[in-house]
C-alpha atoms as a PDB file:
ATOM      1  CA  MET A   1     106.021 150.694  61.814  1.00  0.00           C
ATOM      2  CA  ALA A   2     106.757 147.709  59.719  1.00  0.00           C
ATOM      3  CA  ASN A   3     106.690 144.014  59.328  1.00  0.00           C
ATOM      4  CA  TYR A   4     109.742 142.417  58.754  1.00  0.00           C
ATOM      5  CA  PHE A   5     111.003 139.533  56.957  1.00  0.00           C
ATOM      6  CA  ALA A   6     114.347 137.458  56.165  1.00  0.00           C
ATOM      7  CA  THR A   7     115.617 138.414  52.528  1.00  0.00           C
ATOM      8  CA  HIS A   8     116.544 134.946  50.216  1.00  0.00           C
ATOM      9  CA  HIS A   9     119.665 135.885  50.753  1.00  0.00           C
ATOM     10  CA  PHE A  10     119.460 135.705  54.499  1.00  0.00           C
ATOM     11  CA  SER A  11     117.410 132.619  54.783  1.00  0.00           C
ATOM     12  CA  ARG A  12     119.925 130.322  52.254  1.00  0.00           C
ATOM     13  CA  GLN A  13     122.893 131.236  54.472  1.00  0.00           C
ATOM     14  CA  VAL A  14     120.876 130.523  58.275  1.00  0.00           C
ATOM     15  CA  LEU A  15     119.680 127.309  56.131  1.00  0.00           C
ATOM     16  CA  ASN A  16     123.369 126.360  54.640  1.00  0.00           C
ATOM     17  CA  THR A  17     124.233 126.052  58.494  1.00  0.00           C
ATOM     18  CA  TYR A  18     122.565 122.827  58.217  1.00  0.00           C
ATOM     19  CA  ARG A  19     125.242 121.628  55.457  1.00  0.00           C
ATOM     20  CA  GLY A  20     128.018 122.420  57.470  1.00  0.00           C
ATOM     21  CA  ILE A  21     128.668 126.195  56.144  1.00  0.00           C
ATOM     22  CA  ALA A  22     128.880 128.923  58.247  1.00  0.00           C
ATOM     23  CA  LEU A  23     126.792 132.155  58.557  1.00  0.00           C
ATOM     24  CA  PRO A  24     129.242 134.606  59.748  1.00  0.00           C
ATOM     25  CA  GLY A  25     128.399 137.895  62.093  1.00  0.00           C
ATOM     26  CA  TYR A  26     127.539 140.851  59.726  1.00  0.00           C
ATOM     27  CA  ALA A  27     130.614 143.068  61.466  1.00  0.00           C
ATOM     28  CA  ASN A  28     127.979 146.143  59.888  1.00  0.00           C
ATOM     29  CA  LEU A  29     124.399 146.472  59.198  1.00  0.00           C
ATOM     30  CA  PHE A  30     122.561 149.703  57.013  1.00  0.00           C
ATOM     31  CA  VAL A  31     119.082 150.890  56.496  1.00  0.00           C
ATOM     32  CA  ARG A  32     118.278 151.704  53.322  1.00  0.00           C
ATOM     33  CA  LEU A  33     114.956 153.181  52.176  1.00  0.00           C
ATOM     34  CA  PHE A  34     112.774 152.237  49.267  1.00  0.00           C
ATOM     35  CA  ILE A  35     109.909 153.871  47.321  1.00  0.00           C
ATOM     36  CA  SER A  36     108.840 149.996  45.970  1.00  0.00           C
ATOM     37  CA  ASP A  37     108.719 146.872  47.078  1.00  0.00           C
ATOM     38  CA  PRO A  38     112.331 145.067  47.101  1.00  0.00           C
ATOM     39  CA  THR A  39     110.535 142.082  47.126  1.00  0.00           C
ATOM     40  CA  ASP A  40     112.194 138.479  49.306  1.00  0.00           C
ATOM     41  CA  THR A  41     114.755 138.728  46.771  1.00  0.00           C
ATOM     42  CA  GLY A  42     116.398 141.811  47.807  1.00  0.00           C
ATOM     43  CA  THR A  43     117.436 142.943  43.786  1.00  0.00           C
ATOM     44  CA  ALA A  44     114.266 144.943  42.912  1.00  0.00           C
ATOM     45  CA  GLY A  45     112.537 148.107  43.994  1.00  0.00           C
ATOM     46  CA  ILE A  46     113.647 151.872  43.696  1.00  0.00           C
ATOM     47  CA  GLU A  47     115.996 152.840  46.099  1.00  0.00           C
ATOM     48  CA  LEU A  48     115.065 156.728  47.661  1.00  0.00           C
ATOM     49  CA  ALA A  49     117.616 159.617  45.484  1.00  0.00           C
ATOM     50  CA  TYR A  50     118.286 162.223  46.692  1.00  0.00           C
ATOM     51  CA  PRO A  51     121.536 164.262  47.282  1.00  0.00           C
ATOM     52  CA  GLY A  52     123.138 163.154  50.106  1.00  0.00           C
ATOM     53  CA  TYR A  53     121.283 160.097  50.785  1.00  0.00           C
ATOM     54  CA  THR A  54     123.294 156.918  52.209  1.00  0.00           C
ATOM     55  CA  GLY A  55     122.123 153.990  54.385  1.00  0.00           C
ATOM     56  CA  GLN A  56     122.269 154.700  57.653  1.00  0.00           C
ATOM     57  CA  GLN A  57     123.873 151.948  60.404  1.00  0.00           C
ATOM     58  CA  ILE A  58     121.964 149.502  62.235  1.00  0.00           C
ATOM     59  CA  MET A  59     122.088 148.530  65.163  1.00  0.00           C
ATOM     60  CA  PHE A  60     120.030 145.715  67.277  1.00  0.00           C
ATOM     61  CA  THR A  61     119.209 144.798  70.997  1.00  0.00           C
ATOM     62  CA  PRO A  62     119.729 141.206  72.344  1.00  0.00           C
ATOM     63  CA  PRO A  63     116.877 138.506  71.435  1.00  0.00           C
ATOM     64  CA  ALA A  64     114.259 139.125  73.600  1.00  0.00           C
ATOM     65  CA  ASN A  65     110.604 137.361  74.187  1.00  0.00           C
ATOM     66  CA  PHE A  66     107.618 139.386  71.474  1.00  0.00           C
ATOM     67  CA  GLU A  67     104.650 137.465  72.231  1.00  0.00           C
ATOM     68  CA  GLY A  68     105.610 134.120  72.318  1.00  0.00           C
ATOM     69  CA  ASN A  69     108.562 134.589  69.905  1.00  0.00           C
ATOM     70  CA  LEU A  70     112.191 135.735  70.101  1.00  0.00           C
ATOM     71  CA  ALA A  71     112.718 138.925  68.138  1.00  0.00           C
ATOM     72  CA  ILE A  72     115.431 142.142  68.087  1.00  0.00           C
ATOM     73  CA  ARG A  73     115.060 145.910  67.720  1.00  0.00           C
ATOM     74  CA  ASN A  74     117.115 148.611  66.252  1.00  0.00           C
ATOM     75  CA  THR A  75     118.613 150.108  69.769  1.00  0.00           C
ATOM     76  CA  ALA A  76     118.526 153.618  68.596  1.00  0.00           C
ATOM     77  CA  ASP A  77     116.916 156.175  66.399  1.00  0.00           C
ATOM     78  CA  ILE A  78     118.399 156.491  63.134  1.00  0.00           C
ATOM     79  CA  THR A  79     118.500 159.541  60.975  1.00  0.00           C
ATOM     80  CA  PHE A  80     119.033 160.003  57.495  1.00  0.00           C
ATOM     81  CA  PRO A  81     120.607 163.092  55.653  1.00  0.00           C
ATOM     82  CA  GLU A  82     118.539 166.416  55.334  1.00  0.00           C
ATOM     83  CA  SER A  83     116.741 166.642  52.084  1.00  0.00           C
ATOM     84  CA  SER A  84     116.774 169.472  49.368  1.00  0.00           C
ATOM     85  CA  GLN A  85     113.899 168.214  48.026  1.00  0.00           C
ATOM     86  CA  SER A  86     110.147 166.847  48.720  1.00  0.00           C
ATOM     87  CA  THR A  87     110.449 162.914  47.196  1.00  0.00           C
ATOM     88  CA  GLU A  88     107.442 160.014  47.014  1.00  0.00           C
ATOM     89  CA  PRO A  89     107.026 159.002  49.913  1.00  0.00           C
ATOM     90  CA  VAL A  90     109.205 156.133  51.266  1.00  0.00           C
ATOM     91  CA  LEU A  91     106.687 152.724  51.590  1.00  0.00           C
ATOM     92  CA  HIS A  92     109.500 149.976  52.189  1.00  0.00           C
ATOM     93  CA  ILE A  93     112.842 149.108  53.780  1.00  0.00           C
ATOM     94  CA  GLY A  94     116.210 147.023  53.243  1.00  0.00           C
ATOM     95  CA  ILE A  95     118.848 146.576  56.157  1.00  0.00           C
ATOM     96  CA  PHE A  96     122.022 145.597  53.996  1.00  0.00           C
ATOM     97  CA  ASP A  97     125.619 144.837  54.419  1.00  0.00           C
ATOM     98  CA  SER A  98     126.509 147.513  52.853  1.00  0.00           C
ATOM     99  CA  ALA A  99     125.337 151.540  53.174  1.00  0.00           C
ATOM    100  CA  VAL A 100     126.342 152.428  49.441  1.00  0.00           C
ATOM    101  CA  PRO A 101     123.036 152.651  46.975  1.00  0.00           C
ATOM    102  CA  GLY A 102     123.101 149.915  44.720  1.00  0.00           C
ATOM    103  CA  THR A 103     125.523 148.003  46.330  1.00  0.00           C
ATOM    104  CA  GLY A 104     125.776 144.950  48.864  1.00  0.00           C
ATOM    105  CA  ASN A 105     123.412 142.507  49.936  1.00  0.00           C
ATOM    106  CA  MET A 106     120.008 142.815  51.661  1.00  0.00           C
ATOM    107  CA  VAL A 107     119.915 140.840  54.696  1.00  0.00           C
ATOM    108  CA  LEU A 108     116.397 142.313  55.751  1.00  0.00           C
ATOM    109  CA  ARG A 109     112.809 143.643  54.131  1.00  0.00           C
ATOM    110  CA  GLY A 110     110.773 145.449  55.921  1.00  0.00           C
ATOM    111  CA  ASP A 111     106.973 146.628  54.396  1.00  0.00           C
ATOM    112  CA  LEU A 112     105.836 150.069  56.672  1.00  0.00           C
ATOM    113  CA  THR A 113     102.372 150.439  57.558  1.00  0.00           C
ATOM    114  CA  ARG A 114     102.535 153.962  56.814  1.00  0.00           C
ATOM    115  CA  PRO A 115     104.269 155.500  54.616  1.00  0.00           C
ATOM    116  CA  LEU A 116     107.616 157.838  55.788  1.00  0.00           C
ATOM    117  CA  GLU A 117     107.144 160.952  53.683  1.00  0.00           C
ATOM    118  CA  ILE A 118     110.689 162.870  52.525  1.00  0.00           C
ATOM    119  CA  ARG A 119     109.576 166.718  52.974  1.00  0.00           C
ATOM    120  CA  ALA A 120     112.436 169.724  51.931  1.00  0.00           C
ATOM    121  CA  ASN A 121     114.786 170.595  54.581  1.00  0.00           C
ATOM    122  CA  GLN A 122     114.029 167.910  57.048  1.00  0.00           C
ATOM    123  CA  GLN A 123     115.519 164.960  57.926  1.00  0.00           C
ATOM    124  CA  PRO A 124     113.994 160.930  57.786  1.00  0.00           C
ATOM    125  CA  SER A 125     114.352 159.539  60.580  1.00  0.00           C
ATOM    126  CA  ILE A 126     112.901 155.872  62.210  1.00  0.00           C
ATOM    127  CA  LEU A 127     112.713 155.838  66.037  1.00  0.00           C
ATOM    128  CA  ALA A 128     114.670 153.453  68.182  1.00  0.00           C
ATOM    129  CA  GLY A 129     112.320 150.123  68.477  1.00  0.00           C
ATOM    130  CA  ASP A 130     110.649 150.713  65.232  1.00  0.00           C
ATOM    131  CA  ILE A 131     112.522 148.728  63.329  1.00  0.00           C
ATOM    132  CA  ILE A 132     111.692 144.477  64.752  1.00  0.00           C
ATOM    133  CA  TYR A 133     112.465 141.180  63.164  1.00  0.00           C
ATOM    134  CA  ILE A 134     110.704 138.483  64.696  1.00  0.00           C
ATOM    135  CA  SER A 135     112.002 134.987  64.566  1.00  0.00           C
ATOM    136  CA  ARG A 136     109.297 132.411  63.962  1.00  0.00           C
ATOM    137  CA  GLY A 137     109.391 128.918  62.715  1.00  0.00           C
ATOM    138  CA  ASP A 138     109.538 125.498  64.356  1.00  0.00           C
ATOM    139  CA  PHE A 139     113.696 126.169  65.492  1.00  0.00           C
ATOM    140  CA  THR A 140     114.515 125.723  69.402  1.00  0.00           C
ATOM    141  CA  ALA A 141     115.007 129.069  71.050  1.00  0.00           C
ATOM    142  CA  GLN A 142     118.233 128.254  71.278  1.00  0.00           C
ATOM    143  CA  PHE A 143     118.815 128.219  67.400  1.00  0.00           C
ATOM    144  CA  ARG A 144     116.555 131.158  67.127  1.00  0.00           C
ATOM    145  CA  THR A 145     119.016 133.005  69.509  1.00  0.00           C
ATOM    146  CA  ALA A 146     122.495 132.199  67.485  1.00  0.00           C
ATOM    147  CA  TYR A 147     120.537 133.525  63.838  1.00  0.00           C
ATOM    148  CA  LEU A 148     119.842 136.060  64.972  1.00  0.00           C
ATOM    149  CA  ASN A 149     122.688 136.997  67.047  1.00  0.00           C
ATOM    150  CA  THR A 150     124.188 136.960  63.166  1.00  0.00           C
ATOM    151  CA  LEU A 151     122.438 140.247  62.899  1.00  0.00           C
ATOM    152  CA  ARG A 152     124.769 141.162  65.800  1.00  0.00           C
ATOM    153  CA  GLY A 153     127.781 140.363  64.942  1.00  0.00           C
ATOM    154  CA  GLN A 154     128.398 136.514  66.337  1.00  0.00           C
ATOM    155  CA  THR A 155     128.895 134.247  63.868  1.00  0.00           C
ATOM    156  CA  LEU A 156     127.092 130.917  63.652  1.00  0.00           C
ATOM    157  CA  GLN A 157     128.913 127.733  63.152  1.00  0.00           C
ATOM    158  CA  GLY A 158     128.184 124.971  60.529  1.00  0.00           C
ATOM    159  CA  PHE A 159     126.663 121.565  61.902  1.00  0.00           C
ATOM    160  CA  SER A 160     126.886 117.917  61.180  1.00  0.00           C
ATOM    161  CA  SER A 161     122.990 117.578  60.516  1.00  0.00           C
ATOM    162  CA  HIS A 162     121.578 114.235  62.828  1.00  0.00           C
ATOM    163  CA  LEU A 163     118.097 113.568  63.417  1.00  0.00           C
ATOM    164  CA  ALA A 164     116.531 112.229  66.916  1.00  0.00           C
ATOM    165  CA  MET A 165     113.898 110.834  67.974  1.00  0.00           C
ATOM    166  CA  PHE A 166     112.106 112.064  70.745  1.00  0.00           C
ATOM    167  CA  ASP A 167     108.990 111.314  72.563  1.00  0.00           C
ATOM    168  CA  GLY A 168     107.711 114.662  72.991  1.00  0.00           C
ATOM    169  CA  ASN A 169     108.490 118.242  72.534  1.00  0.00           C
ATOM    170  CA  PRO A 170     112.194 119.468  72.443  1.00  0.00           C
ATOM    171  CA  GLU A 171     110.950 123.088  73.824  1.00  0.00           C
ATOM    172  CA  SER A 172     108.285 121.756  76.465  1.00  0.00           C
ATOM    173  CA  GLY A 173     110.295 118.589  78.340  1.00  0.00           C
ATOM    174  CA  GLY A 174     110.589 116.222  75.179  1.00  0.00           C
ATOM    175  CA  PHE A 175     113.332 113.984  76.117  1.00  0.00           C
ATOM    176  CA  GLU A 176     115.424 112.136  73.502  1.00  0.00           C
ATOM    177  CA  LEU A 177     114.601 108.443  73.166  1.00  0.00           C
ATOM    178  CA  SER A 178     117.916 105.995  74.512  1.00  0.00           C
ATOM    179  CA  GLY A 179     118.162 102.121  74.616  1.00  0.00           C
ATOM    180  CA  GLU A 180     120.520  99.538  72.939  1.00  0.00           C
ATOM    181  CA  ALA A 181     121.927 100.613  70.269  1.00  0.00           C
ATOM    182  CA  TYR A 182     120.294 104.049  70.046  1.00  0.00           C
ATOM    183  CA  ALA A 183     122.401 106.552  68.184  1.00  0.00           C
ATOM    184  CA  ARG A 184     120.925 109.443  65.436  1.00  0.00           C
ATOM    185  CA  ALA A 185     120.587 109.452  61.972  1.00  0.00           C
ATOM    186  CA  ALA A 186     123.049 110.945  59.966  1.00  0.00           C
ATOM    187  CA  LEU A 187     120.864 114.090  57.199  1.00  0.00           C
ATOM    188  CA  SER A 188     122.288 114.914  54.534  1.00  0.00           C
ATOM    189  CA  PHE A 189     120.657 118.939  53.273  1.00  0.00           C
ATOM    190  CA  ALA A 190     120.716 119.614  49.360  1.00  0.00           C
ATOM    191  CA  SER A 191     121.041 123.463  48.786  1.00  0.00           C
ATOM    192  CA  PRO A 192     118.283 125.801  50.207  1.00  0.00           C
ATOM    193  CA  VAL A 193     115.472 126.420  47.150  1.00  0.00           C
ATOM    194  CA  ILE A 194     112.647 128.231  46.994  1.00  0.00           C
ATOM    195  CA  ASP A 195     109.436 126.491  47.242  1.00  0.00           C
ATOM    196  CA  PRO A 196     107.032 127.268  44.407  1.00  0.00           C
ATOM    197  CA  ASN A 197     103.660 126.979  46.500  1.00  0.00           C
ATOM    198  CA  THR A 198     104.785 129.377  49.915  1.00  0.00           C
ATOM    199  CA  GLY A 199     107.907 131.398  47.699  1.00  0.00           C
ATOM    200  CA  LEU A 200     109.642 130.501  51.054  1.00  0.00           C
ATOM    201  CA  MET A 201     113.813 129.128  50.779  1.00  0.00           C
ATOM    202  CA  THR A 202     113.980 125.254  52.085  1.00  0.00           C
ATOM    203  CA  ILE A 203     116.060 122.404  52.607  1.00  0.00           C
ATOM    204  CA  THR A 204     115.311 118.916  51.656  1.00  0.00           C
ATOM    205  CA  ASN A 205     117.091 115.353  52.792  1.00  0.00           C
ATOM    206  CA  GLU A 206     118.657 114.446  49.594  1.00  0.00           C
ATOM    207  CA  THR A 207     119.256 110.957  50.534  1.00  0.00           C
ATOM    208  CA  VAL A 208     117.870 108.225  53.219  1.00  0.00           C
ATOM    209  CA  ALA A 209     118.623 108.766  56.871  1.00  0.00           C
ATOM    210  CA  THR A 210     118.737 104.909  58.920  1.00  0.00           C
ATOM    211  CA  PHE A 211     118.444 104.328  62.050  1.00  0.00           C
ATOM    212  CA  PRO A 212     120.850 101.575  63.945  1.00  0.00           C
ATOM    213  CA  THR A 213     118.074  98.311  64.884  1.00  0.00           C
ATOM    214  CA  PRO A 214     116.971  98.699  68.220  1.00  0.00           C
ATOM    215  CA  LEU A 215     118.256  95.581  70.420  1.00  0.00           C
ATOM    216  CA  GLY A 216     115.355  96.511  72.417  1.00  0.00           C
ATOM    217  CA  THR A 217     112.748  99.040  73.034  1.00  0.00           C
ATOM    218  CA  TRP A 218     113.533 102.407  72.881  1.00  0.00           C
ATOM    219  CA  GLY A 219     110.307 103.844  73.504  1.00  0.00           C
ATOM    220  CA  PRO A 220     107.745 106.459  72.158  1.00  0.00           C
ATOM    221  CA  TRP A 221     108.883 108.281  68.542  1.00  0.00           C
ATOM    222  CA  ASN A 222     106.950 111.312  68.494  1.00  0.00           C
ATOM    223  CA  TYR A 223     108.900 114.055  67.522  1.00  0.00           C
ATOM    224  CA  ASP A 224     111.411 114.481  64.753  1.00  0.00           C
ATOM    225  CA  CYS A 225     114.588 116.325  66.045  1.00  0.00           C
ATOM    226  CA  VAL A 226     117.453 118.279  63.690  1.00  0.00           C
ATOM    227  CA  MET A 227     120.548 117.729  65.907  1.00  0.00           C
ATOM    228  CA  ARG A 228     123.589 119.761  65.689  1.00  0.00           C
ATOM    229  CA  GLY A 229     126.074 116.809  65.780  1.00  0.00           C
ATOM    230  CA  SER A 230     125.648 112.777  66.305  1.00  0.00           C
ATOM    231  CA  SER A 231     125.822 113.751  70.130  1.00  0.00           C
ATOM    232  CA  GLY A 232     125.844 115.552  72.834  1.00  0.00           C
ATOM    233  CA  ALA A 233     124.939 118.791  70.843  1.00  0.00           C
ATOM    234  CA  GLU A 234     121.817 121.296  70.741  1.00  0.00           C
ATOM    235  CA  THR A 235     118.388 120.737  68.870  1.00  0.00           C
ATOM    236  CA  ALA A 236     118.523 123.034  66.097  1.00  0.00           C
ATOM    237  CA  SER A 237     114.505 122.445  65.004  1.00  0.00           C
ATOM    238  CA  PHE A 238     111.305 120.329  65.496  1.00  0.00           C
ATOM    239  CA  SER A 239     108.455 118.796  64.039  1.00  0.00           C
ATOM    240  CA  ARG A 240     106.030 116.191  65.297  1.00  0.00           C
ATOM    241  CA  ASN A 241     106.422 112.871  63.667  1.00  0.00           C
ATOM    242  CA  ASP A 242     102.433 111.892  61.578  1.00  0.00           C
ATOM    243  CA  GLU A 243     103.721 108.717  62.117  1.00  0.00           C
ATOM    244  CA  ALA A 244     104.297 107.927  65.551  1.00  0.00           C
ATOM    245  CA  GLU A 245     104.722 104.675  67.264  1.00  0.00           C
ATOM    246  CA  ILE A 246     106.744 102.876  69.813  1.00  0.00           C
ATOM    247  CA  VAL A 247     110.136 101.917  68.603  1.00  0.00           C
ATOM    248  CA  HIS A 248     110.852  98.548  69.716  1.00  0.00           C
ATOM    249  CA  ARG A 249     113.264  95.281  68.862  1.00  0.00           C
ATOM    250  CA  GLY A 250     113.653  95.117  65.081  1.00  0.00           C
ATOM    251  CA  TYR A 251     112.357  98.206  64.245  1.00  0.00           C
ATOM    252  CA  ILE A 252     113.512  99.626  60.944  1.00  0.00           C
ATOM    253  CA  GLY A 253     113.889 103.673  61.384  1.00  0.00           C
ATOM    254  CA  ARG A 254     114.236 105.552  58.441  1.00  0.00           C
ATOM    255  CA  ILE A 255     113.559 108.956  56.525  1.00  0.00           C
ATOM    256  CA  ARG A 256     113.128 107.904  52.780  1.00  0.00           C
ATOM    257  CA  GLU A 257     114.477 111.286  50.413  1.00  0.00           C
ATOM    258  CA  GLY A 258     112.748 114.674  49.938  1.00  0.00           C
ATOM    259  CA  ARG A 259     110.525 113.350  52.800  1.00  0.00           C
ATOM    260  CA  PHE A 260     112.529 116.212  55.475  1.00  0.00           C
ATOM    261  CA  THR A 261     112.015 119.277  54.868  1.00  0.00           C
ATOM    262  CA  ILE A 262     113.097 122.597  56.818  1.00  0.00           C
ATOM    263  CA  THR A 263     111.797 126.351  55.899  1.00  0.00           C
ATOM    264  CA  HIS A 264     113.021 129.854  57.121  1.00  0.00           C
ATOM    265  CA  ASP A 265     111.259 132.375  56.719  1.00  0.00           C
END
């Protein structure tokens, strides 16, 4: 019925977990209807208005596979109060942390593939499963599950970001390198900003990240993985190392300031 996207507000919250800031789970979320585009800012657009109209609560299914990605859907039909008059059709949907029009933060937004007609003496409704939010990007399935579950009331703790060297894709059997003196490099990310080229929320490392000097061969460094801690922690996201090479004794592993960027869509 629609394509759903994270707003800047929600993307900022997800990326801030890389900076040690927790994302509290949303105890209640509400669907609200728009006749014009609220955009990724979540603050634009014209919201539907008629006597008795208010946002209606939405609950999501647990994250599950959808076309190779993880997604959540609304668990039940969503029905709005009856309208006493016909209005302009609804073309966009916003999901907020408040039911009251004009208040709260928009978390997700959707562009309807067909208009939702609002007719006199009828109750506008959205069927179960028609609202689907798909998580994409280079986040691990584990981290995607964690941040999707914040839309189901579960808090995602902030963490101390550390960069790890992997010999392959961690989602496809890749392993973290090891060897004498190996340790992860601490990553410090600047506050999330909107990329002027893509319009998406991003974070970038604001200081140089340096690995210890190897005292022996660690192996092939093919993937960069951001870990949720300095040791024994979960992988949050990953990307291919375009400068892949064998890490050997005396190698200097360094990530310059501004080189490492993570985007949330």
